Amino acid sequence: MRQNPSLQDIQHNMKPGSLSAHGFLGDDMRNLADILSEDDSVVRKLDTTHKALADRMHYFTQCGKKGLGGPVIVDDIYEVVVEEYRGLISCPFRDHYRAAKKNTRITSLKTGQTVFWTDLNTHMICSHGFYEGRGSYFRINPEELAVILGMV
């Protein structure tokens, strides 16, 4: 897919060191338009939306915050741990959003599957349909996310 100049500039900001030590693309050599398009196709095939996934992620983060860094059991089938750090991180999409440095990890007590995300991941999924590039430290596979969150 051809990428417009605006996405090209955003992709440049996603490289390691600009906003994040690890960057947002990992070893993914595709252009940002292709990354967004492929993940959007996956979400559509799952018959859900980026917002619905992000809302579910936000739900678990809010539940997990009650544990003050320790594990919390949610809906009798998930263990959730939320770790909070000082500072904020800016969204690479230049939308003036700054996320708290907060990490959420949920584990399905039924399957043992675990998924991990940041508040910035939740925002980028909801607002931009961006799950990060392949090989990125914080990459979330949208299909695995939907399965673990009990949405499919």
C-alpha atoms as a PDB file:
ATOM      1  CA  MET A   1       0.000   0.000   0.000  1.00  0.00           C
ATOM      2  CA  ARG A   2       1.250   3.488  -0.799  1.00  0.00           C
ATOM      3  CA  GLN A   3       1.943   5.569   2.288  1.00  0.00           C
ATOM      4  CA  ASN A   4       1.092   9.261   2.500  1.00  0.00           C
ATOM      5  CA  PRO A   5       3.742  11.760   3.694  1.00  0.00           C
ATOM      6  CA  SER A   6       1.987  12.295   7.026  1.00  0.00           C
ATOM      7  CA  LEU A   7       2.269   8.584   7.907  1.00  0.00           C
ATOM      8  CA  GLN A   8       5.883   8.624   6.711  1.00  0.00           C
ATOM      9  CA  ASP A   9       6.691  11.356   9.252  1.00  0.00           C
ATOM     10  CA  ILE A  10       4.854   9.471  11.997  1.00  0.00           C
ATOM     11  CA  GLN A  11       6.726   6.271  11.127  1.00  0.00           C
ATOM     12  CA  HIS A  12      10.006   8.172  11.437  1.00  0.00           C
ATOM     13  CA  ASN A  13       8.979   9.195  14.995  1.00  0.00           C
ATOM     14  CA  MET A  14       8.391   5.535  15.834  1.00  0.00           C
ATOM     15  CA  LYS A  15      12.032   4.572  15.484  1.00  0.00           C
ATOM     16  CA  PRO A  16      14.028   3.780  18.640  1.00  0.00           C
ATOM     17  CA  GLY A  17      15.173   6.793  20.595  1.00  0.00           C
ATOM     18  CA  SER A  18      12.759   9.415  19.289  1.00  0.00           C
ATOM     19  CA  LEU A  19       9.929   8.898  21.790  1.00  0.00           C
ATOM     20  CA  SER A  20      10.843   5.499  23.188  1.00  0.00           C
ATOM     21  CA  ALA A  21      14.099   3.652  23.776  1.00  0.00           C
ATOM     22  CA  HIS A  22      12.702   0.540  22.033  1.00  0.00           C
ATOM     23  CA  GLY A  23      10.667   2.350  19.398  1.00  0.00           C
ATOM     24  CA  PHE A  24       7.304   1.144  18.169  1.00  0.00           C
ATOM     25  CA  LEU A  25       8.149  -0.865  15.044  1.00  0.00           C
ATOM     26  CA  GLY A  26      10.513  -3.612  16.183  1.00  0.00           C
ATOM     27  CA  ASP A  27      12.109  -5.310  13.188  1.00  0.00           C
ATOM     28  CA  ASP A  28       9.036  -4.772  11.000  1.00  0.00           C
ATOM     29  CA  MET A  29      10.196  -3.489   7.619  1.00  0.00           C
ATOM     30  CA  ARG A  30       6.688  -2.748   6.285  1.00  0.00           C
ATOM     31  CA  ASN A  31       5.488   0.798   5.970  1.00  0.00           C
ATOM     32  CA  LEU A  32       3.083   2.075   8.594  1.00  0.00           C
ATOM     33  CA  ALA A  33       0.113   2.056   6.216  1.00  0.00           C
ATOM     34  CA  ASP A  34       0.606  -1.683   5.630  1.00  0.00           C
ATOM     35  CA  ILE A  35       0.968  -2.412   9.351  1.00  0.00           C
ATOM     36  CA  LEU A  36      -2.266  -0.550  10.092  1.00  0.00           C
ATOM     37  CA  SER A  37      -4.103  -2.167   7.194  1.00  0.00           C
ATOM     38  CA  GLU A  38      -3.120  -5.728   8.107  1.00  0.00           C
ATOM     39  CA  ASP A  39      -4.097  -5.359  11.769  1.00  0.00           C
ATOM     40  CA  ASP A  40      -7.356  -3.685  10.757  1.00  0.00           C
ATOM     41  CA  SER A  41      -8.163  -6.672   8.520  1.00  0.00           C
ATOM     42  CA  VAL A  42      -7.561  -9.057  11.419  1.00  0.00           C
ATOM     43  CA  VAL A  43      -9.850  -7.067  13.712  1.00  0.00           C
ATOM     44  CA  ARG A  44     -12.592  -6.932  11.067  1.00  0.00           C
ATOM     45  CA  LYS A  45     -12.376 -10.723  10.556  1.00  0.00           C
ATOM     46  CA  LEU A  46     -12.865 -11.121  14.304  1.00  0.00           C
ATOM     47  CA  ASP A  47     -16.086  -9.105  13.955  1.00  0.00           C
ATOM     48  CA  THR A  48     -15.011  -6.554  16.544  1.00  0.00           C
ATOM     49  CA  THR A  49     -13.490  -3.077  16.581  1.00  0.00           C
ATOM     50  CA  HIS A  50     -10.298  -1.475  17.805  1.00  0.00           C
ATOM     51  CA  LYS A  51     -12.388   0.550  20.253  1.00  0.00           C
ATOM     52  CA  ALA A  52     -14.074  -2.559  21.666  1.00  0.00           C
ATOM     53  CA  LEU A  53     -10.676  -4.193  22.234  1.00  0.00           C
ATOM     54  CA  ALA A  54      -9.321  -1.016  23.835  1.00  0.00           C
ATOM     55  CA  ASP A  55     -12.401  -0.666  26.052  1.00  0.00           C
ATOM     56  CA  ARG A  56     -11.881  -4.212  27.322  1.00  0.00           C
ATOM     57  CA  MET A  57      -8.194  -3.480  27.944  1.00  0.00           C
ATOM     58  CA  HIS A  58      -9.147  -0.341  29.858  1.00  0.00           C
ATOM     59  CA  TYR A  59     -11.609  -2.363  31.950  1.00  0.00           C
ATOM     60  CA  PHE A  60      -8.863  -4.750  33.049  1.00  0.00           C
ATOM     61  CA  THR A  61      -6.452  -1.917  33.778  1.00  0.00           C
ATOM     62  CA  GLN A  62      -9.023  -0.163  35.956  1.00  0.00           C
ATOM     63  CA  CYS A  63      -9.788  -3.411  37.830  1.00  0.00           C
ATOM     64  CA  GLY A  64      -6.100  -4.187  38.272  1.00  0.00           C
ATOM     65  CA  LYS A  65      -5.260  -0.762  39.711  1.00  0.00           C
ATOM     66  CA  LYS A  66      -7.181  -1.771  42.831  1.00  0.00           C
ATOM     67  CA  GLY A  67      -4.362  -4.217  43.633  1.00  0.00           C
ATOM     68  CA  LEU A  68      -1.797  -1.405  44.082  1.00  0.00           C
ATOM     69  CA  GLY A  69       0.827  -3.386  42.170  1.00  0.00           C
ATOM     70  CA  GLY A  70      -0.273  -6.798  43.401  1.00  0.00           C
ATOM     71  CA  PRO A  71      -2.464  -9.364  41.644  1.00  0.00           C
ATOM     72  CA  VAL A  72      -6.243  -8.960  41.483  1.00  0.00           C
ATOM     73  CA  ILE A  73      -8.674 -11.647  40.347  1.00  0.00           C
ATOM     74  CA  VAL A  74     -11.159 -10.258  37.834  1.00  0.00           C
ATOM     75  CA  ASP A  75     -14.367 -11.958  36.678  1.00  0.00           C
ATOM     76  CA  ASP A  76     -13.179 -15.133  38.461  1.00  0.00           C
ATOM     77  CA  ILE A  77     -10.987 -16.119  35.490  1.00  0.00           C
ATOM     78  CA  TYR A  78      -8.261 -13.492  35.140  1.00  0.00           C
ATOM     79  CA  GLU A  79      -5.317 -12.492  37.261  1.00  0.00           C
ATOM     80  CA  VAL A  80      -4.463  -8.840  36.630  1.00  0.00           C
ATOM     81  CA  VAL A  81      -1.393  -6.917  37.749  1.00  0.00           C
ATOM     82  CA  VAL A  82      -0.947  -3.213  37.063  1.00  0.00           C
ATOM     83  CA  GLU A  83       2.419  -1.565  37.618  1.00  0.00           C
ATOM     84  CA  GLU A  84       2.670   2.214  37.590  1.00  0.00           C
ATOM     85  CA  TYR A  85       5.806   4.248  36.968  1.00  0.00           C
ATOM     86  CA  ARG A  86       6.571   7.943  37.076  1.00  0.00           C
ATOM     87  CA  GLY A  87       6.290  10.006  33.951  1.00  0.00           C
ATOM     88  CA  LEU A  88       4.374  10.236  30.717  1.00  0.00           C
ATOM     89  CA  ILE A  89       5.015   9.080  27.159  1.00  0.00           C
ATOM     90  CA  SER A  90       3.742  10.903  24.079  1.00  0.00           C
ATOM     91  CA  CYS A  91       1.770   9.233  21.328  1.00  0.00           C
ATOM     92  CA  PRO A  92       3.858   8.971  18.140  1.00  0.00           C
ATOM     93  CA  PHE A  93       0.777   9.860  16.051  1.00  0.00           C
ATOM     94  CA  ARG A  94       1.202  13.504  17.109  1.00  0.00           C
ATOM     95  CA  ASP A  95      -2.292  13.797  18.554  1.00  0.00           C
ATOM     96  CA  HIS A  96      -1.019  15.506  21.716  1.00  0.00           C
ATOM     97  CA  TYR A  97      -1.977  12.481  23.837  1.00  0.00           C
ATOM     98  CA  ARG A  98       0.378  11.674  26.694  1.00  0.00           C
ATOM     99  CA  ALA A  99      -0.070   8.371  28.479  1.00  0.00           C
ATOM    100  CA  ALA A 100       0.880   7.524  32.024  1.00  0.00           C
ATOM    101  CA  LYS A 101       3.657   4.947  32.215  1.00  0.00           C
ATOM    102  CA  LYS A 102       1.474   2.103  33.376  1.00  0.00           C
ATOM    103  CA  ASN A 103       1.762  -1.576  32.447  1.00  0.00           C
ATOM    104  CA  THR A 104      -1.062  -4.089  32.699  1.00  0.00           C
ATOM    105  CA  ARG A 105      -0.546  -7.843  32.585  1.00  0.00           C
ATOM    106  CA  ILE A 106      -3.480 -10.252  32.547  1.00  0.00           C
ATOM    107  CA  THR A 107      -3.345 -14.005  32.736  1.00  0.00           C
ATOM    108  CA  SER A 108      -6.258 -16.285  31.981  1.00  0.00           C
ATOM    109  CA  LEU A 109      -6.560 -18.699  34.889  1.00  0.00           C
ATOM    110  CA  LYS A 110      -8.312 -21.140  32.542  1.00  0.00           C
ATOM    111  CA  THR A 111      -5.684 -21.302  29.791  1.00  0.00           C
ATOM    112  CA  GLY A 112      -2.559 -19.768  31.328  1.00  0.00           C
ATOM    113  CA  GLN A 113      -2.290 -17.335  28.400  1.00  0.00           C
ATOM    114  CA  THR A 114      -0.875 -13.927  29.256  1.00  0.00           C
ATOM    115  CA  VAL A 115      -1.007 -10.574  27.512  1.00  0.00           C
ATOM    116  CA  PHE A 116       0.782  -7.380  28.504  1.00  0.00           C
ATOM    117  CA  TRP A 117       0.107  -3.768  27.483  1.00  0.00           C
ATOM    118  CA  THR A 118       0.750  -0.148  28.384  1.00  0.00           C
ATOM    119  CA  ASP A 119      -1.705   2.725  28.647  1.00  0.00           C
ATOM    120  CA  LEU A 120      -0.174   4.037  25.419  1.00  0.00           C
ATOM    121  CA  ASN A 121      -0.968   0.711  23.701  1.00  0.00           C
ATOM    122  CA  THR A 122      -4.599   1.072  24.747  1.00  0.00           C
ATOM    123  CA  HIS A 123      -4.749   4.612  23.357  1.00  0.00           C
ATOM    124  CA  MET A 124      -3.020   3.734  20.074  1.00  0.00           C
ATOM    125  CA  ILE A 125      -5.323   0.757  19.524  1.00  0.00           C
ATOM    126  CA  CYS A 126      -8.468   2.770  20.259  1.00  0.00           C
ATOM    127  CA  SER A 127      -7.540   5.950  18.387  1.00  0.00           C
ATOM    128  CA  HIS A 128      -5.273   4.702  15.602  1.00  0.00           C
ATOM    129  CA  GLY A 129      -5.765   0.937  15.229  1.00  0.00           C
ATOM    130  CA  PHE A 130      -2.045   0.511  15.926  1.00  0.00           C
ATOM    131  CA  TYR A 131      -0.789  -2.588  17.755  1.00  0.00           C
ATOM    132  CA  GLU A 132       2.910  -1.804  17.060  1.00  0.00           C
ATOM    133  CA  GLY A 133       5.193  -3.431  14.509  1.00  0.00           C
ATOM    134  CA  ARG A 134       6.283  -7.066  14.463  1.00  0.00           C
ATOM    135  CA  GLY A 135       9.189  -7.668  16.811  1.00  0.00           C
ATOM    136  CA  SER A 136       8.388  -4.586  18.892  1.00  0.00           C
ATOM    137  CA  TYR A 137       8.761  -5.113  22.630  1.00  0.00           C
ATOM    138  CA  PHE A 138       5.160  -3.948  23.186  1.00  0.00           C
ATOM    139  CA  ARG A 139       3.618  -5.520  20.048  1.00  0.00           C
ATOM    140  CA  ILE A 140       0.168  -6.992  20.685  1.00  0.00           C
ATOM    141  CA  ASN A 141      -1.248  -9.483  18.221  1.00  0.00           C
ATOM    142  CA  PRO A 142      -4.894  -8.382  17.835  1.00  0.00           C
ATOM    143  CA  GLU A 143      -6.196 -11.931  17.384  1.00  0.00           C
ATOM    144  CA  GLU A 144      -4.402 -13.239  20.480  1.00  0.00           C
ATOM    145  CA  LEU A 145      -5.597 -10.180  22.400  1.00  0.00           C
ATOM    146  CA  ALA A 146      -9.233 -10.809  21.450  1.00  0.00           C
ATOM    147  CA  VAL A 147      -8.972 -14.484  22.420  1.00  0.00           C
ATOM    148  CA  ILE A 148      -7.358 -13.826  25.798  1.00  0.00           C
ATOM    149  CA  LEU A 149      -9.822 -11.029  26.568  1.00  0.00           C
ATOM    150  CA  GLY A 150     -12.690 -13.427  25.887  1.00  0.00           C
ATOM    151  CA  MET A 151     -14.041 -11.493  22.914  1.00  0.00           C
ATOM    152  CA  VAL A 152     -14.062 -14.351  20.382  1.00  0.00           C
END
